[in-house]
Amino acid sequence: MMYHSAAAGALLAFLAAVPAPYARSAAPTPPPADNLDLRYANGIAAIVEDRVITVEDIRRELRPHVGSIQQDSRNEQEFNQKLEALQDDIVQSLIDRVLIVKDFYKPKDGEKENTRQIPASVVDNQIAEIQITEFDGDRSKFLAYLRSRGLTLREYRREVTEGIINDYMRGQQHKSQSVVSPVKVETYYNENRDKFFQEDQASIRVIQLSRSNSETDAQLRAKADEVLAKFRAGESFAELATQYTDDITRRSKGGDQGWQKKSDLRREFAEVIFNMKKGQVSDPIIISEGCYLLYVEDRKYAGVQPIEEVRGDIERFLVQQMTRQSQERWLERLRRGGYVRIF
């Protein structure tokens, strides 16, 4: 990273003379418990080119994530560690955003001037969408938000435009890495066969007949036998489930429970299901809550999955991996070619 620039030096001198950069709210507010004011005592986290990244910029990006960090942290020390790591990630992301926008506006090889622009209509549509989704379509709320941040509508348009540019440029990196050769897929599969081991699984449907207060086992069995007779006469188990199951959450789905591992199921169900073949239905299983009929729609047996079953997953993984690597190389190049100072 470069640390010498007359313009940046002048900017630093100006900022040093300002006691509270961008602190535009009229009434004082209590300091947030995120330690940002302690980490960045003068309110500045970084300078990128001619742009300043402030504590408030970080705080605005951080705010939506604090609750989940609190839930995932076992103690205050872990919370503070995670919070600081996220703050660092946000600072880097904001730095990269400025550098990406600079790269977008830079003339391409062989061109004297940049010809790329974001159409005004795209920005207008994005702002309109933001007003609808984040401010209930209320323009007065939207303008109050701008005032709370000390932004003019023109400044906000610039911010939205840069967000669109950032997404577009990152998307171009993903697009450039969207094809994986069959050789790479097969090599990854052969080198990571243990990752594709699967346990016994069964795709099942269930008809649940709940027990009423006075209902006996014999009465429940009689109901189940009636359903079984219709199945053996050729009716679809899924259709029977929509008629008979008392599990209202699964009724519309024909009792479909999806793919289940042995460890996912109650012992009395697992022992029956994993001794059945595809297309078989169980005898009535009676327990205290009621009676159950189990149908095995399909089976997957323990072992390494064939490459054709996992090829799509491998391709998606490798595309993501290649995109991350390509994007990091691209960002490192932008960082080396830009002026960045982190405080």
Protein backbone atom coordinates (compact mmCIF):
# COMPACT_ATOMS: atom_id res chain seq x y z
CA MET A 1 0.00 0.00 0.00
CA MET A 2 1.15 3.56 -0.70
CA TYR A 3 1.38 6.02 2.18
CA HIS A 4 2.66 9.19 0.55
CA SER A 5 0.49 11.75 -1.22
CA ALA A 6 0.35 15.53 -1.04
CA ALA A 7 -3.44 15.49 -1.33
CA ALA A 8 -3.71 12.90 1.41
CA GLY A 9 -1.34 14.91 3.59
CA ALA A 10 -3.49 18.00 3.21
CA LEU A 11 -6.57 15.96 4.01
CA LEU A 12 -4.95 14.60 7.15
CA ALA A 13 -3.99 18.10 8.25
CA PHE A 14 -7.57 19.26 7.75
CA LEU A 15 -9.01 16.31 9.64
CA ALA A 16 -6.60 16.79 12.51
CA ALA A 17 -8.03 20.26 13.02
CA VAL A 18 -11.61 18.97 13.20
CA PRO A 19 -12.46 17.78 16.73
CA ALA A 20 -15.33 15.46 15.71
CA PRO A 21 -15.40 14.54 12.03
CA TYR A 22 -18.89 14.37 10.53
CA ALA A 23 -20.55 14.62 13.95
CA ARG A 24 -23.58 16.53 12.70
CA SER A 25 -26.31 15.56 15.15
CA ALA A 26 -27.42 18.42 17.36
CA ALA A 27 -28.02 16.47 20.56
CA PRO A 28 -25.27 14.40 22.25
CA THR A 29 -25.87 10.66 22.38
CA PRO A 30 -24.33 8.12 24.76
CA PRO A 31 -21.30 6.32 23.29
CA PRO A 32 -22.13 2.87 21.84
CA ALA A 33 -20.61 -0.17 23.55
CA ASP A 34 -18.65 -1.27 20.49
CA ASN A 35 -15.25 0.22 21.50
CA LEU A 36 -14.93 1.92 18.10
CA ASP A 37 -14.41 5.31 19.70
CA LEU A 38 -11.50 3.83 21.66
CA ARG A 39 -9.97 2.10 18.64
CA TYR A 40 -10.25 5.21 16.46
CA ALA A 41 -9.93 8.13 18.86
CA ASN A 42 -10.22 10.86 16.20
CA GLY A 43 -13.26 9.25 14.57
CA ILE A 44 -11.35 8.15 11.47
CA ALA A 45 -10.72 4.49 10.62
CA ALA A 46 -9.00 4.88 7.26
CA ILE A 47 -8.28 7.17 4.33
CA VAL A 48 -8.58 5.69 0.84
CA GLU A 49 -7.56 7.91 -2.05
CA ASP A 50 -9.47 11.15 -1.27
CA ARG A 51 -12.17 9.44 0.81
CA VAL A 52 -12.45 9.18 4.58
CA ILE A 53 -13.89 6.10 6.30
CA THR A 54 -15.30 7.17 9.64
CA VAL A 55 -16.34 5.37 12.80
CA GLU A 56 -19.96 6.08 11.88
CA ASP A 57 -19.47 4.35 8.51
CA ILE A 58 -18.28 1.23 10.33
CA ARG A 59 -21.02 1.47 12.94
CA ARG A 60 -23.72 1.65 10.28
CA GLU A 61 -22.45 -1.57 8.66
CA LEU A 62 -21.90 -3.25 12.03
CA ARG A 63 -25.29 -2.51 13.60
CA PRO A 64 -27.34 -5.28 11.90
CA HIS A 65 -24.87 -7.97 13.04
CA VAL A 66 -24.42 -7.15 16.73
CA GLY A 67 -27.47 -9.14 17.89
CA SER A 68 -26.37 -12.36 16.18
CA ILE A 69 -22.84 -11.98 17.55
CA GLN A 70 -24.26 -11.64 21.06
CA GLN A 71 -26.33 -14.80 20.60
CA ASP A 72 -23.35 -16.76 19.28
CA SER A 73 -20.93 -15.64 22.01
CA ARG A 74 -20.49 -17.59 25.24
CA ASN A 75 -19.01 -14.72 27.22
CA GLU A 76 -18.01 -11.07 27.00
CA GLN A 77 -14.44 -11.84 25.93
CA GLU A 78 -15.61 -13.95 22.99
CA PHE A 79 -18.16 -11.27 22.04
CA ASN A 80 -15.47 -8.57 22.00
CA GLN A 81 -13.13 -10.75 19.93
CA LYS A 82 -15.81 -11.47 17.34
CA LEU A 83 -16.92 -7.85 17.30
CA GLU A 84 -13.39 -6.58 16.68
CA ALA A 85 -12.80 -9.16 13.93
CA LEU A 86 -16.01 -8.06 12.21
CA GLN A 87 -15.01 -4.41 12.55
CA ASP A 88 -11.72 -5.20 10.78
CA ASP A 89 -13.59 -7.01 8.01
CA ILE A 90 -15.94 -4.05 7.58
CA VAL A 91 -13.04 -1.58 7.37
CA GLN A 92 -11.39 -3.71 4.69
CA SER A 93 -14.67 -4.03 2.81
CA LEU A 94 -15.22 -0.26 2.85
CA ILE A 95 -11.65 0.29 1.65
CA ASP A 96 -12.12 -2.22 -1.16
CA ARG A 97 -15.36 -0.57 -2.17
CA VAL A 98 -13.59 2.75 -2.81
CA LEU A 99 -10.84 1.01 -4.79
CA ILE A 100 -13.36 -0.98 -6.84
CA VAL A 101 -15.22 2.20 -7.80
CA LYS A 102 -11.89 3.76 -8.83
CA ASP A 103 -11.16 0.71 -10.99
CA PHE A 104 -14.60 0.94 -12.62
CA TYR A 105 -14.01 4.52 -13.72
CA LYS A 106 -10.43 3.89 -14.89
CA PRO A 107 -10.07 3.84 -18.71
CA LYS A 108 -9.62 0.35 -20.12
CA ASP A 109 -6.44 -0.65 -21.91
CA GLY A 110 -6.21 1.23 -25.21
CA GLU A 111 -8.81 3.83 -24.21
CA LYS A 112 -8.04 7.47 -23.41
CA GLU A 113 -11.21 8.02 -21.40
CA ASN A 114 -13.55 5.86 -19.38
CA THR A 115 -16.75 4.98 -21.20
CA ARG A 116 -18.47 2.99 -18.45
CA GLN A 117 -21.32 4.65 -16.56
CA ILE A 118 -24.24 3.46 -14.47
CA PRO A 119 -27.47 4.65 -16.14
CA ALA A 120 -29.42 7.18 -14.07
CA SER A 121 -32.55 5.04 -14.44
CA VAL A 122 -30.81 2.12 -12.67
CA VAL A 123 -29.95 4.35 -9.71
CA ASP A 124 -33.48 5.80 -9.66
CA ASN A 125 -34.99 2.31 -9.58
CA GLN A 126 -32.65 1.23 -6.79
CA ILE A 127 -33.51 4.25 -4.64
CA ALA A 128 -37.22 3.71 -5.30
CA GLU A 129 -36.86 0.07 -4.19
CA ILE A 130 -35.03 1.15 -1.03
CA GLN A 131 -37.79 3.61 -0.17
CA ILE A 132 -40.40 0.85 -0.55
CA THR A 133 -38.57 -1.94 1.31
CA GLU A 134 -36.87 0.06 4.06
CA PHE A 135 -39.18 3.06 4.55
CA ASP A 136 -42.61 1.60 3.69
CA GLY A 137 -42.76 3.83 0.63
CA ASP A 138 -42.86 6.91 2.86
CA ARG A 139 -40.63 9.58 1.32
CA SER A 140 -40.75 11.71 4.48
CA LYS A 141 -39.20 8.82 6.45
CA PHE A 142 -36.57 8.41 3.76
CA LEU A 143 -35.66 12.12 3.83
CA ALA A 144 -35.55 12.04 7.65
CA TYR A 145 -33.06 9.17 7.38
CA LEU A 146 -30.87 11.24 5.05
CA ARG A 147 -30.99 14.17 7.49
CA SER A 148 -30.02 11.87 10.38
CA ARG A 149 -26.91 10.90 8.42
CA GLY A 150 -26.16 14.44 7.30
CA LEU A 151 -26.50 13.48 3.63
CA THR A 152 -27.99 15.35 0.72
CA LEU A 153 -29.98 13.40 -1.85
CA ARG A 154 -27.12 13.94 -4.30
CA GLU A 155 -24.62 12.45 -1.85
CA TYR A 156 -26.94 9.50 -1.25
CA ARG A 157 -27.28 8.91 -5.00
CA ARG A 158 -23.51 8.71 -5.18
CA GLU A 159 -23.49 6.16 -2.35
CA VAL A 160 -26.13 4.03 -4.08
CA THR A 161 -24.32 4.31 -7.41
CA GLU A 162 -21.10 3.10 -5.81
CA GLY A 163 -22.96 0.18 -4.24
CA ILE A 164 -24.25 -0.82 -7.67
CA ILE A 165 -20.74 -0.52 -9.11
CA ASN A 166 -19.32 -2.65 -6.30
CA ASP A 167 -21.88 -5.41 -6.90
CA TYR A 168 -21.38 -5.26 -10.66
CA MET A 169 -17.58 -5.45 -10.49
CA ARG A 170 -17.61 -8.33 -8.01
CA GLY A 171 -20.19 -10.08 -10.19
CA GLN A 172 -17.84 -9.79 -13.16
CA GLN A 173 -15.19 -11.64 -11.20
CA HIS A 174 -17.68 -14.42 -10.48
CA LYS A 175 -18.77 -14.54 -14.11
CA SER A 176 -15.18 -14.99 -15.28
CA GLN A 177 -14.85 -18.14 -13.14
CA SER A 178 -18.16 -19.81 -13.95
CA VAL A 179 -16.83 -22.84 -15.90
CA VAL A 180 -15.08 -25.83 -14.33
CA SER A 181 -13.49 -28.51 -16.49
CA PRO A 182 -14.59 -32.15 -16.02
CA VAL A 183 -10.95 -33.02 -15.24
CA LYS A 184 -10.94 -30.66 -12.23
CA VAL A 185 -14.21 -32.13 -10.98
CA GLU A 186 -12.92 -35.70 -11.26
CA THR A 187 -9.60 -34.80 -9.62
CA TYR A 188 -11.38 -33.18 -6.67
CA TYR A 189 -13.71 -36.18 -6.34
CA ASN A 190 -10.85 -38.69 -6.34
CA GLU A 191 -8.83 -36.68 -3.82
CA ASN A 192 -11.79 -36.17 -1.47
CA ARG A 193 -13.80 -39.37 -1.71
CA ASP A 194 -14.27 -39.48 2.08
CA LYS A 195 -16.29 -36.26 1.86
CA PHE A 196 -18.87 -38.03 -0.27
CA PHE A 197 -19.57 -40.94 2.08
CA GLN A 198 -23.24 -41.09 2.96
CA GLU A 199 -25.06 -42.93 5.71
CA ASP A 200 -28.10 -45.10 5.06
CA GLN A 201 -31.00 -42.79 4.22
CA ALA A 202 -34.66 -43.29 3.43
CA SER A 203 -37.15 -40.93 1.82
CA ILE A 204 -40.33 -41.59 3.77
CA ARG A 205 -44.00 -40.71 4.02
CA VAL A 206 -45.95 -41.10 7.25
CA ILE A 207 -49.63 -41.45 8.11
CA GLN A 208 -50.23 -40.49 11.73
CA LEU A 209 -53.43 -41.61 13.43
CA SER A 210 -53.61 -39.78 16.74
CA ARG A 211 -55.14 -41.48 19.78
CA SER A 212 -58.24 -39.96 21.33
CA ASN A 213 -58.66 -40.11 25.12
CA SER A 214 -60.70 -43.32 25.12
CA GLU A 215 -59.27 -45.04 22.04
CA THR A 216 -57.74 -48.49 22.49
CA ASP A 217 -54.86 -50.07 20.60
CA ALA A 218 -57.29 -52.40 18.88
CA GLN A 219 -59.38 -49.49 17.61
CA LEU A 220 -56.28 -47.71 16.28
CA ARG A 221 -55.12 -50.89 14.57
CA ALA A 222 -58.51 -51.29 12.91
CA LYS A 223 -58.24 -47.77 11.46
CA ALA A 224 -54.71 -48.46 10.21
CA ASP A 225 -55.76 -51.78 8.67
CA GLU A 226 -58.48 -49.96 6.73
CA VAL A 227 -55.89 -47.59 5.27
CA LEU A 228 -53.51 -50.48 4.52
CA ALA A 229 -56.23 -52.33 2.66
CA LYS A 230 -56.76 -49.33 0.37
CA PHE A 231 -53.00 -49.06 -0.25
CA ARG A 232 -52.76 -52.75 -1.16
CA ALA A 233 -55.70 -52.29 -3.46
CA GLY A 234 -53.61 -49.84 -5.47
CA GLU A 235 -54.28 -46.40 -3.97
CA SER A 236 -51.33 -44.03 -3.63
CA PHE A 237 -49.86 -43.73 -0.15
CA ALA A 238 -49.45 -39.98 -0.70
CA GLU A 239 -53.14 -39.60 -1.54
CA LEU A 240 -54.13 -41.72 1.46
CA ALA A 241 -51.97 -39.51 3.69
CA THR A 242 -53.80 -36.38 2.52
CA GLN A 243 -57.06 -38.04 3.58
CA TYR A 244 -56.12 -39.80 6.80
CA THR A 245 -53.04 -38.36 8.52
CA ASP A 246 -53.64 -36.26 11.62
CA ASP A 247 -50.33 -34.44 11.10
CA ILE A 248 -51.77 -31.23 9.65
CA THR A 249 -48.31 -29.82 8.82
CA ARG A 250 -47.63 -32.74 6.45
CA ARG A 251 -51.14 -33.49 5.21
CA SER A 252 -50.98 -31.26 2.14
CA LYS A 253 -47.62 -32.85 1.26
CA GLY A 254 -48.98 -36.38 1.36
CA GLY A 255 -47.19 -37.14 4.63
CA ASP A 256 -43.80 -36.44 3.04
CA GLN A 257 -40.96 -36.36 5.60
CA GLY A 258 -38.14 -36.12 3.05
CA TRP A 259 -34.80 -37.90 3.35
CA GLN A 260 -34.07 -39.19 6.86
CA LYS A 261 -30.99 -40.76 8.41
CA LYS A 262 -31.29 -43.50 10.99
CA SER A 263 -30.01 -41.14 13.67
CA ASP A 264 -32.74 -38.60 12.80
CA LEU A 265 -35.61 -40.92 13.74
CA ARG A 266 -37.14 -42.39 16.86
CA ARG A 267 -35.67 -45.80 17.57
CA GLU A 268 -38.98 -47.65 17.09
CA PHE A 269 -39.37 -46.03 13.64
CA ALA A 270 -35.73 -46.36 12.54
CA GLU A 271 -35.61 -50.09 13.25
CA VAL A 272 -38.60 -50.65 10.98
CA ILE A 273 -37.73 -48.24 8.15
CA PHE A 274 -34.15 -49.39 7.65
CA ASN A 275 -35.27 -52.99 7.29
CA MET A 276 -37.65 -52.05 4.47
CA LYS A 277 -37.09 -51.68 0.75
CA LYS A 278 -38.23 -48.99 -1.64
CA GLY A 279 -42.00 -49.11 -2.15
CA GLN A 280 -42.79 -51.01 1.04
CA VAL A 281 -45.18 -49.93 3.79
CA SER A 282 -44.87 -50.91 7.45
CA ASP A 283 -47.35 -52.75 9.61
CA PRO A 284 -49.13 -50.40 12.05
CA ILE A 285 -46.74 -49.10 14.72
CA ILE A 286 -48.69 -48.37 17.90
CA ILE A 287 -47.21 -46.18 20.63
CA SER A 288 -48.74 -44.09 23.41
CA GLU A 289 -49.49 -41.10 21.15
CA GLY A 290 -51.22 -43.10 18.42
CA CYS A 291 -50.61 -45.31 15.41
CA TYR A 292 -48.19 -44.77 12.50
CA LEU A 293 -47.88 -46.19 9.01
CA LEU A 294 -44.48 -45.67 7.38
CA TYR A 295 -43.84 -45.79 3.65
CA VAL A 296 -40.38 -45.96 2.10
CA GLU A 297 -40.45 -43.95 -1.12
CA ASP A 298 -36.75 -44.36 -1.86
CA ARG A 299 -33.51 -45.59 -0.30
CA LYS A 300 -29.87 -44.54 -0.36
CA TYR A 301 -27.48 -47.13 1.01
CA ALA A 302 -24.30 -46.37 2.96
CA GLY A 303 -21.20 -45.81 0.85
CA VAL A 304 -19.36 -43.28 -1.31
CA GLN A 305 -21.78 -41.51 -3.63
CA PRO A 306 -21.10 -41.97 -7.37
CA ILE A 307 -19.49 -38.96 -9.02
CA GLU A 308 -22.57 -38.32 -11.18
CA GLU A 309 -24.65 -37.77 -8.03
CA VAL A 310 -22.27 -35.15 -6.64
CA ARG A 311 -20.88 -33.58 -9.82
CA GLY A 312 -23.13 -30.52 -9.50
CA ASP A 313 -22.12 -29.96 -5.86
CA ILE A 314 -18.44 -30.23 -6.75
CA GLU A 315 -18.79 -27.81 -9.67
CA ARG A 316 -20.53 -25.25 -7.45
CA PHE A 317 -17.86 -25.62 -4.76
CA LEU A 318 -14.99 -25.25 -7.25
CA VAL A 319 -16.62 -22.21 -8.89
CA GLN A 320 -16.94 -20.57 -5.47
CA GLN A 321 -13.34 -21.46 -4.64
CA MET A 322 -12.00 -20.15 -7.95
CA THR A 323 -14.10 -16.97 -7.61
CA ARG A 324 -12.74 -16.29 -4.12
CA GLN A 325 -9.16 -16.79 -5.28
CA SER A 326 -9.65 -14.67 -8.40
CA GLN A 327 -11.38 -11.94 -6.44
CA GLU A 328 -8.65 -11.85 -3.79
CA ARG A 329 -5.93 -11.53 -6.46
CA TRP A 330 -7.91 -8.74 -8.09
CA LEU A 331 -8.42 -6.90 -4.78
CA GLU A 332 -4.75 -7.26 -3.85
CA ARG A 333 -3.84 -5.65 -7.16
CA LEU A 334 -6.22 -2.76 -6.47
CA ARG A 335 -4.84 -2.34 -2.94
CA ARG A 336 -1.26 -2.21 -4.21
CA GLY A 337 -2.20 0.44 -6.76
CA GLY A 338 -4.16 2.72 -4.42
CA TYR A 339 -3.44 5.09 -1.57
CA VAL A 340 -4.65 3.51 1.68
CA ARG A 341 -3.94 4.53 5.24
CA ILE A 342 -5.49 2.57 8.10
CA PHE A 343 -5.44 4.11 11.58
